[in-house]
Amino acid sequence: MEIEHITYRRCDLVKVKGRLDSASAPEFDEKLKQITNSGRYRIVIDMGDLQFISSAGLRALISAQKVCRRYNRGEVVLTNVPENIKAALDLAGFTTLFKIYPDVVSAVANV
């Protein structure tokens, strides 16, 4: 798995590439914690190149969402979500917990 982090004025963009499974989820979780610990709570996660997400990856997403939404500070939004990932999110009941945008531009503009 590869993680690319870009900081914008209004939000942070995290691009995830490859497989987000139990081996790579701790690294992903740590990256999200670094962002929130620096006081930034508006995070866009670009899943365009993500091939697979496991329950460990879903836990990292939920954990970050809880931290960002606490005290109404911000939120985690998803963009470019492939159909197989969207099906996994729907199966876990997470589609109601995250806003999903079709592209990065609209996600960054609305976060």
C-alpha atoms as a PDB file:
ATOM      1  CA  MET A   1       0.000   0.000   0.000  1.00  0.00           C
ATOM      2  CA  GLU A   2       1.141   3.520  -0.785  1.00  0.00           C
ATOM      3  CA  ILE A   3      -0.095   6.650   0.988  1.00  0.00           C
ATOM      4  CA  GLU A   4       0.279  10.137  -0.445  1.00  0.00           C
ATOM      5  CA  HIS A   5      -0.588  13.121   1.747  1.00  0.00           C
ATOM      6  CA  ILE A   6      -1.218  16.603   0.355  1.00  0.00           C
ATOM      7  CA  THR A   7      -2.030  19.525   2.632  1.00  0.00           C
ATOM      8  CA  TYR A   8      -4.318  22.212   1.281  1.00  0.00           C
ATOM      9  CA  ARG A   9      -5.390  25.366   3.037  1.00  0.00           C
ATOM     10  CA  ARG A  10      -8.872  24.057   3.907  1.00  0.00           C
ATOM     11  CA  CYS A  11      -8.249  20.314   4.175  1.00  0.00           C
ATOM     12  CA  ASP A  12      -5.871  17.399   3.828  1.00  0.00           C
ATOM     13  CA  LEU A  13      -5.991  14.967   0.901  1.00  0.00           C
ATOM     14  CA  VAL A  14      -4.866  11.391   1.527  1.00  0.00           C
ATOM     15  CA  LYS A  15      -4.469   9.221  -1.578  1.00  0.00           C
ATOM     16  CA  VAL A  16      -4.434   5.498  -0.886  1.00  0.00           C
ATOM     17  CA  LYS A  17      -3.123   3.030  -3.451  1.00  0.00           C
ATOM     18  CA  GLY A  18      -3.106  -0.774  -3.325  1.00  0.00           C
ATOM     19  CA  ARG A  19      -4.611  -2.934  -0.576  1.00  0.00           C
ATOM     20  CA  LEU A  20      -5.743  -1.603   2.792  1.00  0.00           C
ATOM     21  CA  ASP A  21      -5.672  -4.773   4.877  1.00  0.00           C
ATOM     22  CA  SER A  22      -4.548  -5.865   8.337  1.00  0.00           C
ATOM     23  CA  ALA A  23      -0.879  -5.535   7.345  1.00  0.00           C
ATOM     24  CA  SER A  24      -1.158  -1.973   6.023  1.00  0.00           C
ATOM     25  CA  ALA A  25      -4.013  -0.561   8.148  1.00  0.00           C
ATOM     26  CA  PRO A  26      -1.735   0.426  11.091  1.00  0.00           C
ATOM     27  CA  GLU A  27       0.319   2.627   8.758  1.00  0.00           C
ATOM     28  CA  PHE A  28      -2.864   4.212   7.369  1.00  0.00           C
ATOM     29  CA  ASP A  29      -4.254   4.717  10.875  1.00  0.00           C
ATOM     30  CA  GLU A  30      -0.992   6.338  11.995  1.00  0.00           C
ATOM     31  CA  LYS A  31      -1.063   8.751   9.035  1.00  0.00           C
ATOM     32  CA  LEU A  32      -4.626   9.817   9.901  1.00  0.00           C
ATOM     33  CA  LYS A  33      -3.635  10.269  13.565  1.00  0.00           C
ATOM     34  CA  GLN A  34      -0.669  12.448  12.541  1.00  0.00           C
ATOM     35  CA  ILE A  35      -3.046  14.684  10.599  1.00  0.00           C
ATOM     36  CA  THR A  36      -5.598  15.012  13.412  1.00  0.00           C
ATOM     37  CA  ASN A  37      -2.907  15.444  16.070  1.00  0.00           C
ATOM     38  CA  SER A  38      -1.620  18.436  14.122  1.00  0.00           C
ATOM     39  CA  GLY A  39      -5.032  20.084  14.539  1.00  0.00           C
ATOM     40  CA  ARG A  40      -6.424  19.388  11.079  1.00  0.00           C
ATOM     41  CA  TYR A  41      -9.851  17.749  11.040  1.00  0.00           C
ATOM     42  CA  ARG A  42     -11.051  18.032   7.441  1.00  0.00           C
ATOM     43  CA  ILE A  43      -9.751  15.003   5.582  1.00  0.00           C
ATOM     44  CA  VAL A  44     -10.509  13.835   2.040  1.00  0.00           C
ATOM     45  CA  ILE A  45      -9.551  10.238   1.291  1.00  0.00           C
ATOM     46  CA  ASP A  46      -9.042   9.484  -2.408  1.00  0.00           C
ATOM     47  CA  MET A  47      -9.726   5.781  -2.979  1.00  0.00           C
ATOM     48  CA  GLY A  48      -9.378   5.836  -6.764  1.00  0.00           C
ATOM     49  CA  ASP A  49      -6.400   3.447  -6.746  1.00  0.00           C
ATOM     50  CA  LEU A  50      -7.546   1.331  -3.793  1.00  0.00           C
ATOM     51  CA  GLN A  51      -8.087  -2.312  -4.747  1.00  0.00           C
ATOM     52  CA  PHE A  52      -9.227  -3.835  -1.452  1.00  0.00           C
ATOM     53  CA  ILE A  53     -10.231  -2.751   2.063  1.00  0.00           C
ATOM     54  CA  SER A  54     -10.489  -5.077   5.059  1.00  0.00           C
ATOM     55  CA  SER A  55     -12.224  -4.628   8.394  1.00  0.00           C
ATOM     56  CA  ALA A  56      -8.961  -3.215   9.784  1.00  0.00           C
ATOM     57  CA  GLY A  57      -9.046  -0.487   7.136  1.00  0.00           C
ATOM     58  CA  LEU A  58     -12.690   0.229   7.902  1.00  0.00           C
ATOM     59  CA  ARG A  59     -11.821   0.551  11.619  1.00  0.00           C
ATOM     60  CA  ALA A  60      -9.145   3.130  10.780  1.00  0.00           C
ATOM     61  CA  LEU A  61     -11.709   5.137   8.781  1.00  0.00           C
ATOM     62  CA  ILE A  62     -14.260   5.060  11.614  1.00  0.00           C
ATOM     63  CA  SER A  63     -11.651   5.995  14.204  1.00  0.00           C
ATOM     64  CA  ALA A  64     -10.589   9.033  12.171  1.00  0.00           C
ATOM     65  CA  GLN A  65     -14.220  10.027  11.574  1.00  0.00           C
ATOM     66  CA  LYS A  66     -14.949   9.955  15.326  1.00  0.00           C
ATOM     67  CA  VAL A  67     -11.959  12.180  16.078  1.00  0.00           C
ATOM     68  CA  CYS A  68     -12.788  14.635  13.294  1.00  0.00           C
ATOM     69  CA  ARG A  69     -16.471  14.940  14.150  1.00  0.00           C
ATOM     70  CA  ARG A  70     -15.875  15.330  17.885  1.00  0.00           C
ATOM     71  CA  TYR A  71     -16.923  18.825  18.956  1.00  0.00           C
ATOM     72  CA  ASN A  72     -18.106  19.460  15.371  1.00  0.00           C
ATOM     73  CA  ARG A  73     -14.563  20.232  14.167  1.00  0.00           C
ATOM     74  CA  GLY A  74     -14.662  18.573  10.741  1.00  0.00           C
ATOM     75  CA  GLU A  75     -15.128  15.232   9.027  1.00  0.00           C
ATOM     76  CA  VAL A  76     -13.632  12.554   6.830  1.00  0.00           C
ATOM     77  CA  VAL A  77     -15.076  12.348   3.314  1.00  0.00           C
ATOM     78  CA  LEU A  78     -14.388   9.768   0.622  1.00  0.00           C
ATOM     79  CA  THR A  79     -13.878  10.259  -3.093  1.00  0.00           C
ATOM     80  CA  ASN A  80     -13.325   8.120  -6.209  1.00  0.00           C
ATOM     81  CA  VAL A  81     -14.658   5.068  -4.383  1.00  0.00           C
ATOM     82  CA  PRO A  82     -14.495   1.942  -6.598  1.00  0.00           C
ATOM     83  CA  GLU A  83     -17.613  -0.235  -6.796  1.00  0.00           C
ATOM     84  CA  ASN A  84     -16.106  -3.127  -4.820  1.00  0.00           C
ATOM     85  CA  ILE A  85     -15.049  -0.766  -2.004  1.00  0.00           C
ATOM     86  CA  LYS A  86     -18.463   0.923  -2.063  1.00  0.00           C
ATOM     87  CA  ALA A  87     -20.077  -2.516  -1.725  1.00  0.00           C
ATOM     88  CA  ALA A  88     -17.882  -3.275   1.310  1.00  0.00           C
ATOM     89  CA  LEU A  89     -18.780   0.087   2.887  1.00  0.00           C
ATOM     90  CA  ASP A  90     -22.464  -0.566   2.223  1.00  0.00           C
ATOM     91  CA  LEU A  91     -22.276  -4.082   3.658  1.00  0.00           C
ATOM     92  CA  ALA A  92     -20.666  -2.721   6.839  1.00  0.00           C
ATOM     93  CA  GLY A  93     -23.299   0.034   7.050  1.00  0.00           C
ATOM     94  CA  PHE A  94     -20.719   2.799   6.612  1.00  0.00           C
ATOM     95  CA  THR A  95     -22.249   4.574   3.607  1.00  0.00           C
ATOM     96  CA  THR A  96     -24.422   6.620   5.974  1.00  0.00           C
ATOM     97  CA  LEU A  97     -21.406   7.629   8.079  1.00  0.00           C
ATOM     98  CA  PHE A  98     -19.316   9.106   5.265  1.00  0.00           C
ATOM     99  CA  LYS A  99     -20.067  11.586   2.512  1.00  0.00           C
ATOM    100  CA  ILE A 100     -18.958  10.136  -0.808  1.00  0.00           C
ATOM    101  CA  TYR A 101     -18.033  12.406  -3.734  1.00  0.00           C
ATOM    102  CA  PRO A 102     -17.408  11.396  -7.353  1.00  0.00           C
ATOM    103  CA  ASP A 103     -14.133  13.322  -7.708  1.00  0.00           C
ATOM    104  CA  VAL A 104     -11.435  15.048  -5.644  1.00  0.00           C
ATOM    105  CA  VAL A 105     -12.379  18.572  -6.730  1.00  0.00           C
ATOM    106  CA  SER A 106     -15.952  18.306  -5.481  1.00  0.00           C
ATOM    107  CA  ALA A 107     -14.824  16.607  -2.262  1.00  0.00           C
ATOM    108  CA  VAL A 108     -12.260  19.318  -1.463  1.00  0.00           C
ATOM    109  CA  ALA A 109     -14.757  22.047  -2.326  1.00  0.00           C
ATOM    110  CA  ASN A 110     -17.417  20.648   0.012  1.00  0.00           C
ATOM    111  CA  VAL A 111     -15.348  19.657   3.036  1.00  0.00           C
END
